[in-house]
PDB file of N, CA and C in Angstrom:
ATOM      1  N   UNK A   1     442.006 104.008 186.885  1.00  0.00           N
ATOM      2  CA  UNK A   1     441.335 105.343 186.133  1.00  0.00           C
ATOM      3  C   UNK A   1     439.579 105.664 185.847  1.00  0.00           C
ATOM      4  N   UNK A   2     438.846 106.068 186.221  1.00  0.00           N
ATOM      5  CA  UNK A   2     438.076 106.431 185.538  1.00  0.00           C
ATOM      6  C   UNK A   2     437.329 106.463 183.966  1.00  0.00           C
ATOM      7  N   UNK A   3     437.053 106.530 183.267  1.00  0.00           N
ATOM      8  CA  UNK A   3     436.661 106.268 181.789  1.00  0.00           C
ATOM      9  C   UNK A   3     435.455 108.472 181.911  1.00  0.00           C
ATOM     10  N   UNK A   4     435.732 108.870 180.983  1.00  0.00           N
ATOM     11  CA  UNK A   4     434.630 109.759 181.432  1.00  0.00           C
ATOM     12  C   UNK A   4     434.135 109.422 180.163  1.00  0.00           C
ATOM     13  N   UNK A   5     432.177 109.555 179.486  1.00  0.00           N
ATOM     14  CA  UNK A   5     431.547 109.608 179.273  1.00  0.00           C
ATOM     15  C   UNK A   5     430.447 110.890 179.024  1.00  0.00           C
ATOM     16  N   UNK A   6     430.580 111.235 177.933  1.00  0.00           N
ATOM     17  CA  UNK A   6     429.816 112.574 178.049  1.00  0.00           C
ATOM     18  C   UNK A   6     428.751 112.303 176.581  1.00  0.00           C
ATOM     19  N   UNK A   7     427.514 112.301 176.916  1.00  0.00           N
ATOM     20  CA  UNK A   7     426.368 112.015 176.208  1.00  0.00           C
ATOM     21  C   UNK A   7     425.453 112.999 175.784  1.00  0.00           C
ATOM     22  N   UNK A   8     425.140 113.445 174.679  1.00  0.00           N
ATOM     23  CA  UNK A   8     424.472 114.378 173.585  1.00  0.00           C
ATOM     24  C   UNK A   8     423.781 115.094 174.067  1.00  0.00           C
ATOM     25  N   UNK A   9     423.225 115.194 175.279  1.00  0.00           N
ATOM     26  CA  UNK A   9     422.547 115.687 175.790  1.00  0.00           C
ATOM     27  C   UNK A   9     423.891 117.175 177.355  1.00  0.00           C
ATOM     28  N   UNK A  10     424.712 115.981 177.220  1.00  0.00           N
ATOM     29  CA  UNK A  10     425.645 117.073 178.256  1.00  0.00           C
ATOM     30  C   UNK A  10     426.754 118.607 176.791  1.00  0.00           C
ATOM     31  N   UNK A  11     426.056 117.410 175.934  1.00  0.00           N
ATOM     32  CA  UNK A  11     427.348 118.539 174.832  1.00  0.00           C
ATOM     33  C   UNK A  11     426.420 119.553 174.062  1.00  0.00           C
ATOM     34  N   UNK A  12     425.276 119.086 173.929  1.00  0.00           N
ATOM     35  CA  UNK A  12     424.644 120.517 174.116  1.00  0.00           C
ATOM     36  C   UNK A  12     424.237 121.499 174.596  1.00  0.00           C
ATOM     37  N   UNK A  13     424.061 121.378 176.166  1.00  0.00           N
ATOM     38  CA  UNK A  13     423.943 122.252 176.837  1.00  0.00           C
ATOM     39  C   UNK A  13     424.963 122.899 177.090  1.00  0.00           C
ATOM     40  N   UNK A  14     425.940 122.233 177.454  1.00  0.00           N
ATOM     41  CA  UNK A  14     427.135 123.264 177.784  1.00  0.00           C
ATOM     42  C   UNK A  14     427.519 123.701 176.319  1.00  0.00           C
ATOM     43  N   UNK A  15     427.219 123.284 175.231  1.00  0.00           N
ATOM     44  CA  UNK A  15     426.930 124.725 173.717  1.00  0.00           C
ATOM     45  C   UNK A  15     426.391 125.295 173.710  1.00  0.00           C
ATOM     46  N   UNK A  16     425.327 125.027 173.950  1.00  0.00           N
ATOM     47  CA  UNK A  16     423.390 126.319 174.536  1.00  0.00           C
ATOM     48  C   UNK A  16     424.500 127.226 175.669  1.00  0.00           C
ATOM     49  N   UNK A  17     425.315 126.842 176.011  1.00  0.00           N
ATOM     50  CA  UNK A  17     425.993 127.462 177.292  1.00  0.00           C
ATOM     51  C   UNK A  17     427.226 128.613 176.961  1.00  0.00           C
ATOM     52  N   UNK A  18     427.447 127.811 176.091  1.00  0.00           N
ATOM     53  CA  UNK A  18     428.800 128.510 175.436  1.00  0.00           C
ATOM     54  C   UNK A  18     428.387 129.931 174.542  1.00  0.00           C
ATOM     55  N   UNK A  19     427.778 129.425 173.414  1.00  0.00           N
ATOM     56  CA  UNK A  19     426.965 130.137 172.442  1.00  0.00           C
ATOM     57  C   UNK A  19     426.356 131.716 173.425  1.00  0.00           C
ATOM     58  N   UNK A  20     425.579 131.320 174.904  1.00  0.00           N
ATOM     59  CA  UNK A  20     425.263 132.215 175.603  1.00  0.00           C
ATOM     60  C   UNK A  20     426.081 132.870 175.848  1.00  0.00           C
ATOM     61  N   UNK A  21     426.906 132.487 176.710  1.00  0.00           N
ATOM     62  CA  UNK A  21     427.972 134.016 177.041  1.00  0.00           C
ATOM     63  C   UNK A  21     429.057 134.902 175.851  1.00  0.00           C
ATOM     64  N   UNK A  22     429.261 133.751 175.001  1.00  0.00           N
ATOM     65  CA  UNK A  22     429.964 134.477 173.877  1.00  0.00           C
ATOM     66  C   UNK A  22     428.822 135.495 173.238  1.00  0.00           C
ATOM     67  N   UNK A  23     427.557 135.801 173.485  1.00  0.00           N
ATOM     68  CA  UNK A  23     425.993 136.368 172.808  1.00  0.00           C
ATOM     69  C   UNK A  23     425.832 137.943 173.118  1.00  0.00           C
ATOM     70  N   UNK A  24     426.092 137.341 175.067  1.00  0.00           N
ATOM     71  CA  UNK A  24     425.056 137.938 175.650  1.00  0.00           C
ATOM     72  C   UNK A  24     426.759 139.414 175.988  1.00  0.00           C
ATOM     73  N   UNK A  25     427.723 139.243 175.810  1.00  0.00           N
ATOM     74  CA  UNK A  25     428.800 140.759 175.643  1.00  0.00           C
ATOM     75  C   UNK A  25     428.260 141.304 174.295  1.00  0.00           C
ATOM     76  N   UNK A  26     428.145 140.677 173.380  1.00  0.00           N
ATOM     77  CA  UNK A  26     427.879 141.060 172.089  1.00  0.00           C
ATOM     78  C   UNK A  26     426.695 142.088 172.090  1.00  0.00           C
ATOM     79  N   UNK A  27     425.204 141.554 172.570  1.00  0.00           N
ATOM     80  CA  UNK A  27     424.049 142.109 172.857  1.00  0.00           C
ATOM     81  C   UNK A  27     424.188 143.397 174.257  1.00  0.00           C
ATOM     82  N   UNK A  28     425.096 143.345 174.504  1.00  0.00           N
ATOM     83  CA  UNK A  28     425.397 144.314 175.600  1.00  0.00           C
ATOM     84  C   UNK A  28     426.286 145.427 174.683  1.00  0.00           C
ATOM     85  N   UNK A  29     426.429 145.228 174.078  1.00  0.00           N
ATOM     86  CA  UNK A  29     427.615 146.007 173.348  1.00  0.00           C
ATOM     87  C   UNK A  29     426.774 146.788 172.478  1.00  0.00           C
ATOM     88  N   UNK A  30     425.703 146.218 171.948  1.00  0.00           N
ATOM     89  CA  UNK A  30     425.115 146.776 170.847  1.00  0.00           C
ATOM     90  C   UNK A  30     424.023 147.334 171.417  1.00  0.00           C
ATOM     91  N   UNK A  31     423.393 147.375 173.073  1.00  0.00           N
ATOM     92  CA  UNK A  31     422.240 148.024 173.184  1.00  0.00           C
ATOM     93  C   UNK A  31     422.716 149.279 173.559  1.00  0.00           C
ATOM     94  N   UNK A  32     424.171 148.882 174.514  1.00  0.00           N
ATOM     95  CA  UNK A  32     425.018 150.447 175.066  1.00  0.00           C
ATOM     96  C   UNK A  32     426.280 151.223 174.269  1.00  0.00           C
ATOM     97  N   UNK A  33     426.354 150.475 173.305  1.00  0.00           N
ATOM     98  CA  UNK A  33     427.539 151.566 172.519  1.00  0.00           C
ATOM     99  C   UNK A  33     426.712 152.850 171.839  1.00  0.00           C
ATOM    100  N   UNK A  34     425.802 152.883 171.715  1.00  0.00           N
ATOM    101  CA  UNK A  34     425.070 154.339 170.822  1.00  0.00           C
ATOM    102  C   UNK A  34     424.541 155.077 171.917  1.00  0.00           C
ATOM    103  N   UNK A  35     424.748 154.951 173.664  1.00  0.00           N
ATOM    104  CA  UNK A  35     424.447 155.490 174.278  1.00  0.00           C
ATOM    105  C   UNK A  35     426.091 156.142 174.909  1.00  0.00           C
ATOM    106  N   UNK A  36     426.748 155.861 174.855  1.00  0.00           N
ATOM    107  CA  UNK A  36     428.748 155.526 175.337  1.00  0.00           C
ATOM    108  C   UNK A  36     428.849 156.869 174.254  1.00  0.00           C
ATOM    109  N   UNK A  37     428.316 156.614 172.967  1.00  0.00           N
ATOM    110  CA  UNK A  37     428.852 157.378 172.106  1.00  0.00           C
ATOM    111  C   UNK A  37     428.090 159.149 171.940  1.00  0.00           C
ATOM    112  N   UNK A  38     426.635 158.958 172.375  1.00  0.00           N
ATOM    113  CA  UNK A  38     426.183 159.865 172.451  1.00  0.00           C
ATOM    114  C   UNK A  38     426.582 161.425 174.368  1.00  0.00           C
ATOM    115  N   UNK A  39     427.191 159.786 174.635  1.00  0.00           N
ATOM    116  CA  UNK A  39     427.170 160.977 175.928  1.00  0.00           C
ATOM    117  C   UNK A  39     428.397 161.277 175.326  1.00  0.00           C
ATOM    118  N   UNK A  40     429.622 160.657 175.237  1.00  0.00           N
ATOM    119  CA  UNK A  40     431.264 160.969 174.806  1.00  0.00           C
ATOM    120  C   UNK A  40     430.983 161.767 174.143  1.00  0.00           C
ATOM    121  N   UNK A  41     430.544 161.608 172.612  1.00  0.00           N
ATOM    122  CA  UNK A  41     430.294 162.573 171.682  1.00  0.00           C
ATOM    123  C   UNK A  41     430.977 161.539 170.884  1.00  0.00           C
ATOM    124  N   UNK A  42     431.235 161.686 169.338  1.00  0.00           N
ATOM    125  CA  UNK A  42     432.000 160.851 168.352  1.00  0.00           C
ATOM    126  C   UNK A  42     433.884 161.564 168.163  1.00  0.00           C
ATOM    127  N   UNK A  43     434.240 162.719 168.888  1.00  0.00           N
ATOM    128  CA  UNK A  43     435.222 163.120 168.904  1.00  0.00           C
ATOM    129  C   UNK A  43     436.003 161.781 169.960  1.00  0.00           C
ATOM    130  N   UNK A  44     435.596 162.036 171.309  1.00  0.00           N
ATOM    131  CA  UNK A  44     436.076 161.473 172.093  1.00  0.00           C
ATOM    132  C   UNK A  44     435.665 160.193 172.285  1.00  0.00           C
ATOM    133  N   UNK A  45     435.020 159.305 171.401  1.00  0.00           N
ATOM    134  CA  UNK A  45     434.359 157.981 171.058  1.00  0.00           C
ATOM    135  C   UNK A  45     435.778 157.291 170.434  1.00  0.00           C
ATOM    136  N   UNK A  46     435.930 158.312 169.863  1.00  0.00           N
ATOM    137  CA  UNK A  46     437.127 157.920 168.328  1.00  0.00           C
ATOM    138  C   UNK A  46     438.874 157.744 169.340  1.00  0.00           C
ATOM    139  N   UNK A  47     438.652 158.150 170.569  1.00  0.00           N
ATOM    140  CA  UNK A  47     439.677 157.979 171.202  1.00  0.00           C
ATOM    141  C   UNK A  47     440.196 156.614 171.793  1.00  0.00           C
ATOM    142  N   UNK A  48     439.107 156.437 172.053  1.00  0.00           N
ATOM    143  CA  UNK A  48     438.990 155.197 173.199  1.00  0.00           C
ATOM    144  C   UNK A  48     439.473 153.868 172.232  1.00  0.00           C
ATOM    145  N   UNK A  49     440.084 153.536 171.310  1.00  0.00           N
ATOM    146  CA  UNK A  49     440.683 152.192 170.380  1.00  0.00           C
ATOM    147  C   UNK A  49     442.269 152.857 170.704  1.00  0.00           C
ATOM    148  N   UNK A  50     442.460 153.999 170.658  1.00  0.00           N
ATOM    149  CA  UNK A  50     443.599 154.128 170.711  1.00  0.00           C
ATOM    150  C   UNK A  50     443.925 154.343 172.478  1.00  0.00           C
ATOM    151  N   UNK A  51     443.370 154.592 173.407  1.00  0.00           N
ATOM    152  CA  UNK A  51     443.730 154.814 174.591  1.00  0.00           C
ATOM    153  C   UNK A  51     444.075 153.090 174.933  1.00  0.00           C
ATOM    154  N   UNK A  52     443.051 152.058 174.332  1.00  0.00           N
ATOM    155  CA  UNK A  52     442.881 150.470 174.160  1.00  0.00           C
ATOM    156  C   UNK A  52     444.429 150.092 173.991  1.00  0.00           C
ATOM    157  N   UNK A  53     444.590 150.502 172.762  1.00  0.00           N
ATOM    158  CA  UNK A  53     446.741 150.112 172.969  1.00  0.00           C
ATOM    159  C   UNK A  53     447.406 150.427 173.127  1.00  0.00           C
ATOM    160  N   UNK A  54     447.607 151.275 174.211  1.00  0.00           N
ATOM    161  CA  UNK A  54     448.706 151.999 175.210  1.00  0.00           C
ATOM    162  C   UNK A  54     448.800 150.805 176.169  1.00  0.00           C
ATOM    163  N   UNK A  55     447.519 149.205 176.133  1.00  0.00           N
ATOM    164  CA  UNK A  55     448.723 149.020 177.255  1.00  0.00           C
ATOM    165  C   UNK A  55     449.653 147.848 176.871  1.00  0.00           C
ATOM    166  N   UNK A  56     449.731 147.405 177.874  1.00  0.00           N
ATOM    167  CA  UNK A  56     450.984 146.420 177.319  1.00  0.00           C
ATOM    168  C   UNK A  56     449.583 144.595 176.724  1.00  0.00           C
ATOM    169  N   UNK A  57     450.122 144.204 175.906  1.00  0.00           N
ATOM    170  CA  UNK A  57     450.122 143.319 175.056  1.00  0.00           C
ATOM    171  C   UNK A  57     449.899 142.171 175.680  1.00  0.00           C
ATOM    172  N   UNK A  58     451.197 142.065 176.858  1.00  0.00           N
ATOM    173  CA  UNK A  58     451.587 140.795 177.022  1.00  0.00           C
ATOM    174  C   UNK A  58     451.098 139.996 177.918  1.00  0.00           C
ATOM    175  N   UNK A  59     450.382 138.584 178.009  1.00  0.00           N
ATOM    176  CA  UNK A  59     449.769 137.701 178.866  1.00  0.00           C
ATOM    177  C   UNK A  59     450.044 138.578 180.136  1.00  0.00           C
ATOM    178  N   UNK A  60     448.862 138.609 181.233  1.00  0.00           N
ATOM    179  CA  UNK A  60     448.941 139.409 182.763  1.00  0.00           C
ATOM    180  C   UNK A  60     449.902 137.832 182.989  1.00  0.00           C
ATOM    181  N   UNK A  61     450.561 137.380 184.030  1.00  0.00           N
ATOM    182  CA  UNK A  61     451.254 137.270 184.887  1.00  0.00           C
ATOM    183  C   UNK A  61     450.608 135.939 185.761  1.00  0.00           C
ATOM    184  N   UNK A  62     449.060 136.480 185.960  1.00  0.00           N
ATOM    185  CA  UNK A  62     447.729 135.291 186.778  1.00  0.00           C
ATOM    186  C   UNK A  62     447.404 134.532 185.396  1.00  0.00           C
ATOM    187  N   UNK A  63     447.781 134.410 184.371  1.00  0.00           N
ATOM    188  CA  UNK A  63     446.618 133.548 183.746  1.00  0.00           C
ATOM    189  C   UNK A  63     447.550 132.281 183.319  1.00  0.00           C
ATOM    190  N   UNK A  64     448.280 131.724 183.584  1.00  0.00           N
ATOM    191  CA  UNK A  64     449.278 130.539 183.651  1.00  0.00           C
ATOM    192  C   UNK A  64     450.102 130.620 182.608  1.00  0.00           C
ATOM    193  N   UNK A  65     450.289 132.020 181.452  1.00  0.00           N
ATOM    194  CA  UNK A  65     451.230 131.835 181.326  1.00  0.00           C
ATOM    195  C   UNK A  65     452.838 132.478 181.298  1.00  0.00           C
ATOM    196  N   UNK A  66     453.067 132.743 182.360  1.00  0.00           N
ATOM    197  CA  UNK A  66     454.449 133.623 183.248  1.00  0.00           C
ATOM    198  C   UNK A  66     455.319 132.496 183.383  1.00  0.00           C
ATOM    199  N   UNK A  67     455.098 131.593 183.056  1.00  0.00           N
ATOM    200  CA  UNK A  67     456.668 130.217 182.585  1.00  0.00           C
ATOM    201  C   UNK A  67     457.193 130.273 181.254  1.00  0.00           C
ATOM    202  N   UNK A  68     456.031 131.223 180.549  1.00  0.00           N
ATOM    203  CA  UNK A  68     456.661 130.989 179.046  1.00  0.00           C
ATOM    204  C   UNK A  68     457.460 132.450 178.594  1.00  0.00           C
ATOM    205  N   UNK A  69     458.848 131.965 178.093  1.00  0.00           N
ATOM    206  CA  UNK A  69     459.886 132.504 177.321  1.00  0.00           C
ATOM    207  C   UNK A  69     459.083 133.451 176.457  1.00  0.00           C
ATOM    208  N   UNK A  70     459.583 134.412 176.697  1.00  0.00           N
ATOM    209  CA  UNK A  70     458.711 135.923 175.447  1.00  0.00           C
ATOM    210  C   UNK A  70     459.871 135.807 174.713  1.00  0.00           C
ATOM    211  N   UNK A  71     459.348 136.226 173.422  1.00  0.00           N
ATOM    212  CA  UNK A  71     460.756 136.185 172.471  1.00  0.00           C
ATOM    213  C   UNK A  71     460.569 137.142 171.764  1.00  0.00           C
ATOM    214  N   UNK A  72     459.492 137.849 171.894  1.00  0.00           N
ATOM    215  CA  UNK A  72     459.087 139.154 170.929  1.00  0.00           C
ATOM    216  C   UNK A  72     458.460 140.670 171.641  1.00  0.00           C
ATOM    217  N   UNK A  73     458.379 141.859 171.721  1.00  0.00           N
ATOM    218  CA  UNK A  73     457.794 142.578 172.359  1.00  0.00           C
ATOM    219  C   UNK A  73     456.709 142.168 172.228  1.00  0.00           C
ATOM    220  N   UNK A  74     455.321 141.523 171.750  1.00  0.00           N
ATOM    221  CA  UNK A  74     454.308 141.402 171.655  1.00  0.00           C
ATOM    222  C   UNK A  74     453.823 140.053 172.215  1.00  0.00           C
ATOM    223  N   UNK A  75     454.466 139.488 173.100  1.00  0.00           N
ATOM    224  CA  UNK A  75     454.475 138.412 174.347  1.00  0.00           C
ATOM    225  C   UNK A  75     454.388 137.053 173.505  1.00  0.00           C
ATOM    226  N   UNK A  76     455.004 137.087 172.314  1.00  0.00           N
ATOM    227  CA  UNK A  76     454.530 135.547 171.767  1.00  0.00           C
ATOM    228  C   UNK A  76     455.490 134.786 172.010  1.00  0.00           C
ATOM    229  N   UNK A  77     455.306 133.067 172.651  1.00  0.00           N
ATOM    230  CA  UNK A  77     456.757 131.948 173.193  1.00  0.00           C
ATOM    231  C   UNK A  77     457.418 132.086 171.937  1.00  0.00           C
ATOM    232  N   UNK A  78     458.861 131.690 172.495  1.00  0.00           N
ATOM    233  CA  UNK A  78     459.332 131.009 172.093  1.00  0.00           C
ATOM    234  C   UNK A  78     459.225 129.661 171.309  1.00  0.00           C
ATOM    235  N   UNK A  79     459.642 129.647 170.059  1.00  0.00           N
ATOM    236  CA  UNK A  79     459.317 128.070 170.161  1.00  0.00           C
ATOM    237  C   UNK A  79     460.464 126.764 170.751  1.00  0.00           C
ATOM    238  N   UNK A  80     459.933 126.122 171.067  1.00  0.00           N
ATOM    239  CA  UNK A  80     461.523 125.755 171.845  1.00  0.00           C
ATOM    240  C   UNK A  80     461.002 123.845 170.790  1.00  0.00           C
TER     241      UNK A  80
END
């Protein structure tokens, strides 16, 4: 079995890519949300979180959690 060697450069590169991947949606939101609020108006913009809460919060079957037994309506797995 081959042993995996992780160098400092590889770790730094992957860390930087991870941080960029986390920061990009934040930056896009900071730029676009004022336009969305202006376009929808404040009354309609306040309804967006309510509409998002009505979606099913259980994990989707395609993300690898479909074989977990469900212990509650919130989709928490049972402790076995």
